[in-house]
Amino acid sequence: MNRNYAVLGILAAAALIVLSQTFFVVDQRRQAVIVRLGEPVRIINAPGDPGPGLKMKVPFIETVIQFDKRNLSIEAAQEEITAADQQRLVVDAFVRYRISNPLQYYRTLRDEQTASDRIERLVNSSLRQVLGTATSNDIISGRREALLAQTKADVAARARSSRLGIEIIDVRIKRADYPAQIQESVYRRMQTSRQQEAARIRAQGEQEKREIIAAADKEVAITLAAAHEQAEATRGEGDAVRTRLFAQAFGKDPAFASFYRSMQAYEASLGQGDTTMVLSPDSAFFRYFERGPTGR
């Protein structure tokens, strides 16, 4: 009896082993490559062909290798590059990708560690090539987006030509800075350059200010001269009209004209109240005081 139990236990254990080697589960976030005697034969839950869940394989002959189906990220090691203006920069970048062809991925890279090393070298090589054609200012701020787009396209082209089975989603630079040993001198040079630029802009602004003030003064002088000329012309016309009217009035009534002119003379000489005049009592100047409006 004990011998029968032992046989049954062995058979049950063997069955469990066979079942564990036959059935497996593929999560919806992963994709599996079935390898038969070292040769990949089929893919489960590949991009564009979803099929997660409980699956079967040939026990002891086929093995299952699973890869992540989600977007993956690799932070490349810091790389020192030389820009087009011969400035050295330390670039810290990362790449996001997904496994688009797991069969090709397995044949070329085998595992994620090998893939990470290969992709990191590919990204660093592309960064040196693309960023080496740009100046340090362009890399740091001026044309970073355009350079990163060019780098992404270059990395994607290299991945396709190397048949890595991946799709490059994005390439980004986390930090691009000067090496620590030259940062101080570079910053001083940049500060001097900015100060010179500021001085040039101030001088240009001062010159434009003087030109604007000179133009405004010229316009004011021209306007005042034109107004003065017009005023003098108007005043001359008024004087001419006044003289003509006075002459006409004098011709019509010489006595009144003489009286009016004497009143004007009195106003001009005595109107202030502090004028002292020494005249003969029989002077003609005071005849209207003595004789009235007729002066007779």
Protein backbone atom coordinates (compact mmCIF):
# COMPACT_ATOMS: atom_id res chain seq x y z
CA MET A 1 0.00 0.00 0.00
CA ASN A 2 2.76 2.40 0.87
CA ARG A 3 4.43 1.53 -2.39
CA ASN A 4 1.28 2.45 -4.32
CA TYR A 5 1.09 5.80 -2.53
CA ALA A 6 4.69 6.47 -3.40
CA VAL A 7 4.04 5.72 -7.08
CA LEU A 8 0.96 7.95 -7.08
CA GLY A 9 2.93 10.74 -5.42
CA ILE A 10 5.66 10.45 -8.05
CA LEU A 11 3.10 10.50 -10.84
CA ALA A 12 1.34 13.54 -9.32
CA ALA A 13 4.62 15.40 -8.95
CA ALA A 14 5.55 14.54 -12.54
CA ALA A 15 2.14 15.75 -13.72
CA LEU A 16 2.58 19.01 -11.85
CA ILE A 17 5.99 19.48 -13.36
CA VAL A 18 4.64 18.78 -16.84
CA LEU A 19 1.74 21.17 -16.31
CA SER A 20 4.06 23.90 -15.01
CA GLN A 21 6.20 23.43 -18.10
CA THR A 22 3.15 23.48 -20.38
CA PHE A 23 1.00 26.37 -19.17
CA PHE A 24 2.12 29.96 -18.59
CA VAL A 25 0.51 33.40 -18.25
CA VAL A 26 1.31 36.44 -20.36
CA ASP A 27 0.38 39.73 -18.69
CA GLN A 28 -1.23 42.38 -20.89
CA ARG A 29 1.75 44.66 -20.17
CA ARG A 30 4.24 42.13 -21.48
CA GLN A 31 4.95 40.21 -24.67
CA ALA A 32 6.48 36.76 -24.99
CA VAL A 33 8.82 35.05 -27.44
CA ILE A 34 8.56 31.26 -27.60
CA VAL A 35 11.98 29.68 -28.18
CA ARG A 36 12.25 26.07 -29.35
CA LEU A 37 15.69 24.56 -28.86
CA GLY A 38 17.31 28.01 -29.02
CA GLU A 39 15.36 29.20 -32.09
CA PRO A 40 12.47 31.73 -31.68
CA VAL A 41 9.35 30.33 -33.30
CA ARG A 42 6.42 32.59 -32.37
CA ILE A 43 5.34 35.73 -30.47
CA ILE A 44 2.48 36.14 -28.01
CA ASN A 45 0.79 39.49 -27.28
CA ALA A 46 2.95 41.33 -29.82
CA PRO A 47 2.23 45.01 -30.67
CA GLY A 48 -0.76 45.12 -33.00
CA ASP A 49 -1.66 41.49 -32.18
CA PRO A 50 -2.90 41.45 -28.58
CA GLY A 51 -3.45 38.10 -26.88
CA PRO A 52 -2.58 38.08 -23.17
CA GLY A 53 -3.75 35.38 -20.80
CA LEU A 54 -3.15 31.66 -20.17
CA LYS A 55 -1.07 30.03 -22.92
CA MET A 56 0.47 26.64 -23.71
CA LYS A 57 3.83 25.49 -24.99
CA VAL A 58 5.64 22.23 -25.58
CA PRO A 59 7.09 21.24 -22.21
CA PHE A 60 10.86 20.88 -21.82
CA ILE A 61 11.38 21.78 -25.51
CA GLU A 62 10.03 25.31 -25.69
CA THR A 63 10.93 28.13 -23.31
CA VAL A 64 9.24 31.47 -22.75
CA ILE A 65 11.12 34.78 -22.74
CA GLN A 66 9.04 37.81 -21.84
CA PHE A 67 9.73 41.47 -22.57
CA ASP A 68 8.02 44.64 -21.38
CA LYS A 69 5.43 45.97 -23.81
CA ARG A 70 5.31 49.46 -22.28
CA ASN A 71 7.48 52.48 -23.01
CA LEU A 72 10.95 52.01 -21.57
CA SER A 73 13.51 54.60 -20.51
CA ILE A 74 17.31 54.54 -20.50
CA GLU A 75 19.41 57.25 -18.89
CA ALA A 76 22.63 57.49 -20.87
CA ALA A 77 25.88 58.02 -19.03
CA GLN A 78 27.27 61.55 -19.04
CA GLU A 79 29.08 62.23 -22.27
CA GLU A 80 31.64 64.97 -22.89
CA ILE A 81 31.40 66.41 -26.37
CA THR A 82 33.21 69.17 -28.24
CA ALA A 83 30.90 71.72 -29.87
CA ALA A 84 31.52 73.43 -33.19
CA ASP A 85 33.01 76.45 -31.39
CA GLN A 86 35.51 74.12 -29.66
CA GLN A 87 33.78 74.43 -26.30
CA ARG A 88 33.63 71.25 -24.22
CA LEU A 89 30.24 70.33 -22.78
CA VAL A 90 29.06 67.59 -20.47
CA VAL A 91 25.75 66.24 -21.79
CA ASP A 92 23.37 64.14 -19.69
CA ALA A 93 20.64 62.59 -21.87
CA PHE A 94 17.93 59.95 -21.76
CA VAL A 95 15.97 58.03 -24.39
CA ARG A 96 12.47 56.57 -24.34
CA TYR A 97 11.67 53.61 -26.57
CA ARG A 98 9.41 50.59 -26.93
CA ILE A 99 9.99 47.09 -28.26
CA SER A 100 8.12 47.12 -31.55
CA ASN A 101 9.40 43.81 -32.95
CA PRO A 102 10.12 41.38 -30.09
CA LEU A 103 11.33 38.61 -32.43
CA GLN A 104 13.93 40.86 -34.02
CA TYR A 105 14.73 42.32 -30.60
CA TYR A 106 15.45 38.84 -29.24
CA ARG A 107 17.58 37.79 -32.19
CA THR A 108 19.71 40.95 -32.06
CA LEU A 109 19.86 41.84 -28.37
CA ARG A 110 18.66 38.76 -26.43
CA ASP A 111 17.93 40.57 -23.14
CA GLU A 112 17.16 44.00 -21.73
CA GLN A 113 20.62 44.54 -20.21
CA THR A 114 22.31 44.01 -23.57
CA ALA A 115 19.68 46.24 -25.17
CA SER A 116 20.30 49.00 -22.60
CA ASP A 117 24.06 48.94 -23.23
CA ARG A 118 23.62 48.91 -26.99
CA ILE A 119 21.07 51.71 -27.07
CA GLU A 120 23.13 53.84 -24.67
CA ARG A 121 26.18 53.58 -26.94
CA LEU A 122 24.03 54.36 -29.95
CA VAL A 123 22.55 57.49 -28.29
CA ASN A 124 25.96 58.77 -27.13
CA SER A 125 27.42 58.28 -30.60
CA SER A 126 24.51 60.14 -32.19
CA LEU A 127 24.79 62.98 -29.66
CA ARG A 128 28.49 63.43 -30.44
CA GLN A 129 27.80 63.51 -34.16
CA VAL A 130 24.79 65.86 -34.13
CA LEU A 131 25.82 68.21 -31.31
CA GLY A 132 29.36 68.41 -32.65
CA THR A 133 28.03 70.47 -35.57
CA ALA A 134 26.40 73.11 -33.31
CA THR A 135 27.82 75.82 -31.09
CA SER A 136 27.69 75.60 -27.30
CA ASN A 137 25.07 78.38 -27.11
CA ASP A 138 22.85 76.50 -29.57
CA ILE A 139 23.14 73.32 -27.53
CA ILE A 140 22.47 74.99 -24.18
CA SER A 141 19.54 77.15 -25.24
CA GLY A 142 19.49 78.53 -28.78
CA ARG A 143 18.55 75.52 -30.94
CA ARG A 144 18.18 72.69 -28.44
CA GLU A 145 14.75 71.54 -29.66
CA ALA A 146 15.85 71.36 -33.29
CA LEU A 147 19.06 69.54 -32.35
CA LEU A 148 17.14 67.02 -30.23
CA ALA A 149 14.72 66.37 -33.09
CA GLN A 150 17.70 65.75 -35.36
CA THR A 151 19.27 63.45 -32.75
CA LYS A 152 16.03 61.48 -32.38
CA ALA A 153 15.81 60.98 -36.14
CA ASP A 154 19.46 59.87 -36.26
CA VAL A 155 19.03 57.41 -33.37
CA ALA A 156 15.86 55.99 -34.96
CA ALA A 157 17.66 55.52 -38.29
CA ARG A 158 20.59 53.77 -36.60
CA ALA A 159 18.21 51.49 -34.66
CA ARG A 160 16.44 50.49 -37.89
CA SER A 161 19.67 49.85 -39.77
CA SER A 162 20.96 47.75 -36.84
CA ARG A 163 17.67 45.78 -36.77
CA LEU A 164 17.23 46.25 -33.04
CA GLY A 165 13.45 45.79 -33.16
CA ILE A 166 12.75 48.97 -31.19
CA GLU A 167 10.89 52.22 -31.85
CA ILE A 168 12.53 55.43 -30.59
CA ILE A 169 9.89 57.62 -28.94
CA ASP A 170 11.98 60.52 -27.72
CA VAL A 171 15.52 61.68 -26.98
CA ARG A 172 16.03 64.43 -24.42
CA ILE A 173 18.93 66.26 -22.80
CA LYS A 174 18.49 66.60 -19.04
CA ARG A 175 21.54 68.79 -18.62
CA ALA A 176 24.15 70.35 -20.87
CA ASP A 177 26.84 72.28 -19.02
CA TYR A 178 30.51 73.11 -19.09
CA PRO A 179 32.96 70.82 -17.27
CA ALA A 180 33.51 71.85 -13.66
CA GLN A 181 37.16 72.79 -14.23
CA ILE A 182 36.34 75.47 -16.84
CA GLN A 183 32.93 76.68 -15.67
CA GLU A 184 34.27 79.71 -13.79
CA SER A 185 36.33 81.01 -16.71
CA VAL A 186 33.48 80.41 -19.15
CA TYR A 187 31.01 82.23 -16.92
CA ARG A 188 33.39 85.20 -16.58
CA ARG A 189 33.80 85.32 -20.35
CA MET A 190 30.03 85.14 -20.83
CA GLN A 191 29.55 87.90 -18.24
CA THR A 192 32.08 90.12 -20.02
CA SER A 193 30.37 89.45 -23.34
CA ARG A 194 26.95 90.33 -21.90
CA GLN A 195 28.34 93.52 -20.35
CA GLN A 196 29.83 94.56 -23.69
CA GLU A 197 26.54 93.84 -25.40
CA ALA A 198 24.68 95.87 -22.76
CA ALA A 199 27.11 98.79 -23.21
CA ARG A 200 26.62 98.65 -26.98
CA ILE A 201 22.84 98.67 -26.60
CA ARG A 202 23.01 101.58 -24.12
CA ALA A 203 25.25 103.59 -26.48
CA GLN A 204 22.91 102.89 -29.36
CA GLY A 205 19.93 103.94 -27.25
CA GLU A 206 21.71 107.13 -26.15
CA GLN A 207 22.52 107.98 -29.77
CA GLU A 208 18.90 107.43 -30.79
CA LYS A 209 17.79 109.54 -27.83
CA ARG A 210 20.02 112.43 -28.92
CA GLU A 211 18.78 112.15 -32.49
CA ILE A 212 15.15 112.19 -31.34
CA ILE A 213 15.74 115.21 -29.08
CA ALA A 214 17.59 117.06 -31.86
CA ALA A 215 14.78 116.31 -34.32
CA ALA A 216 12.19 117.48 -31.77
CA ASP A 217 14.15 120.71 -31.06
CA LYS A 218 14.45 121.33 -34.77
CA GLU A 219 10.72 120.80 -35.23
CA VAL A 220 9.99 123.18 -32.32
CA ALA A 221 12.31 125.85 -33.77
CA ILE A 222 10.72 125.53 -37.21
CA THR A 223 7.21 125.69 -35.72
CA LEU A 224 8.04 128.74 -33.58
CA ALA A 225 9.70 130.52 -36.51
CA ALA A 226 6.71 129.83 -38.75
CA ALA A 227 4.33 131.03 -36.00
CA HIS A 228 6.43 134.15 -35.40
CA GLU A 229 6.51 134.89 -39.11
CA GLN A 230 2.76 134.46 -39.37
CA ALA A 231 2.24 136.61 -36.27
CA GLU A 232 4.41 139.37 -37.67
CA ALA A 233 2.59 139.21 -40.99
CA THR A 234 -0.77 139.36 -39.21
CA ARG A 235 0.43 142.19 -37.00
CA GLY A 236 1.68 144.10 -40.04
CA GLU A 237 -1.65 143.64 -41.79
CA GLY A 238 -3.42 144.88 -38.65
CA ASP A 239 -1.17 147.91 -38.41
CA ALA A 240 -1.80 148.69 -42.07
CA VAL A 241 -5.54 148.45 -41.56
CA ARG A 242 -5.30 150.57 -38.40
CA THR A 243 -3.23 153.21 -40.18
CA ARG A 244 -5.61 153.24 -43.12
CA LEU A 245 -8.65 153.60 -40.86
CA PHE A 246 -6.91 156.29 -38.81
CA ALA A 247 -6.03 158.23 -41.94
CA GLN A 248 -9.58 157.94 -43.19
CA ALA A 249 -10.93 159.10 -39.83
CA PHE A 250 -8.42 161.97 -39.66
CA GLY A 251 -9.54 163.15 -43.08
CA LYS A 252 -13.20 163.12 -42.07
CA ASP A 253 -12.82 164.85 -38.68
CA PRO A 254 -9.33 166.29 -38.07
CA ALA A 255 -10.37 167.82 -34.70
CA PHE A 256 -11.52 164.49 -33.29
CA ALA A 257 -8.44 162.78 -34.64
CA SER A 258 -6.23 165.33 -32.90
CA PHE A 259 -8.21 164.90 -29.67
CA TYR A 260 -7.94 161.09 -29.86
CA ARG A 261 -4.19 161.20 -30.41
CA SER A 262 -3.78 163.56 -27.47
CA MET A 263 -5.77 161.18 -25.26
CA GLN A 264 -3.44 158.38 -26.31
CA ALA A 265 -0.47 160.54 -25.45
CA TYR A 266 -1.99 161.35 -22.01
CA GLU A 267 -2.56 157.65 -21.35
CA ALA A 268 0.96 156.69 -22.37
CA SER A 269 2.65 159.41 -20.29
CA LEU A 270 0.36 159.81 -17.29
CA GLY A 271 -1.35 156.41 -17.07
CA GLN A 272 1.16 154.89 -14.60
CA GLY A 273 0.56 157.69 -12.03
CA ASP A 274 4.26 158.12 -11.14
CA THR A 275 5.34 160.27 -14.12
CA THR A 276 6.78 163.73 -13.53
CA MET A 277 6.60 166.17 -16.45
CA VAL A 278 8.02 169.69 -16.58
CA LEU A 279 6.21 171.71 -19.29
CA SER A 280 5.30 175.30 -19.92
CA PRO A 281 1.75 176.16 -18.77
CA ASP A 282 0.88 177.35 -22.24
CA SER A 283 2.21 174.20 -23.90
CA ALA A 284 -0.04 172.75 -26.62
CA PHE A 285 0.17 169.40 -24.84
CA PHE A 286 -2.36 170.57 -22.23
CA ARG A 287 -4.66 172.48 -24.46
CA TYR A 288 -7.46 169.91 -24.11
CA PHE A 289 -7.24 170.30 -20.31
CA GLU A 290 -7.79 174.04 -20.66
CA ARG A 291 -10.13 174.29 -23.66
CA GLY A 292 -12.16 171.06 -23.58
CA PRO A 293 -12.66 168.51 -26.30
CA THR A 294 -12.60 171.05 -29.12
CA GLY A 295 -9.20 172.36 -28.06
CA ARG A 296 -10.18 175.85 -29.08
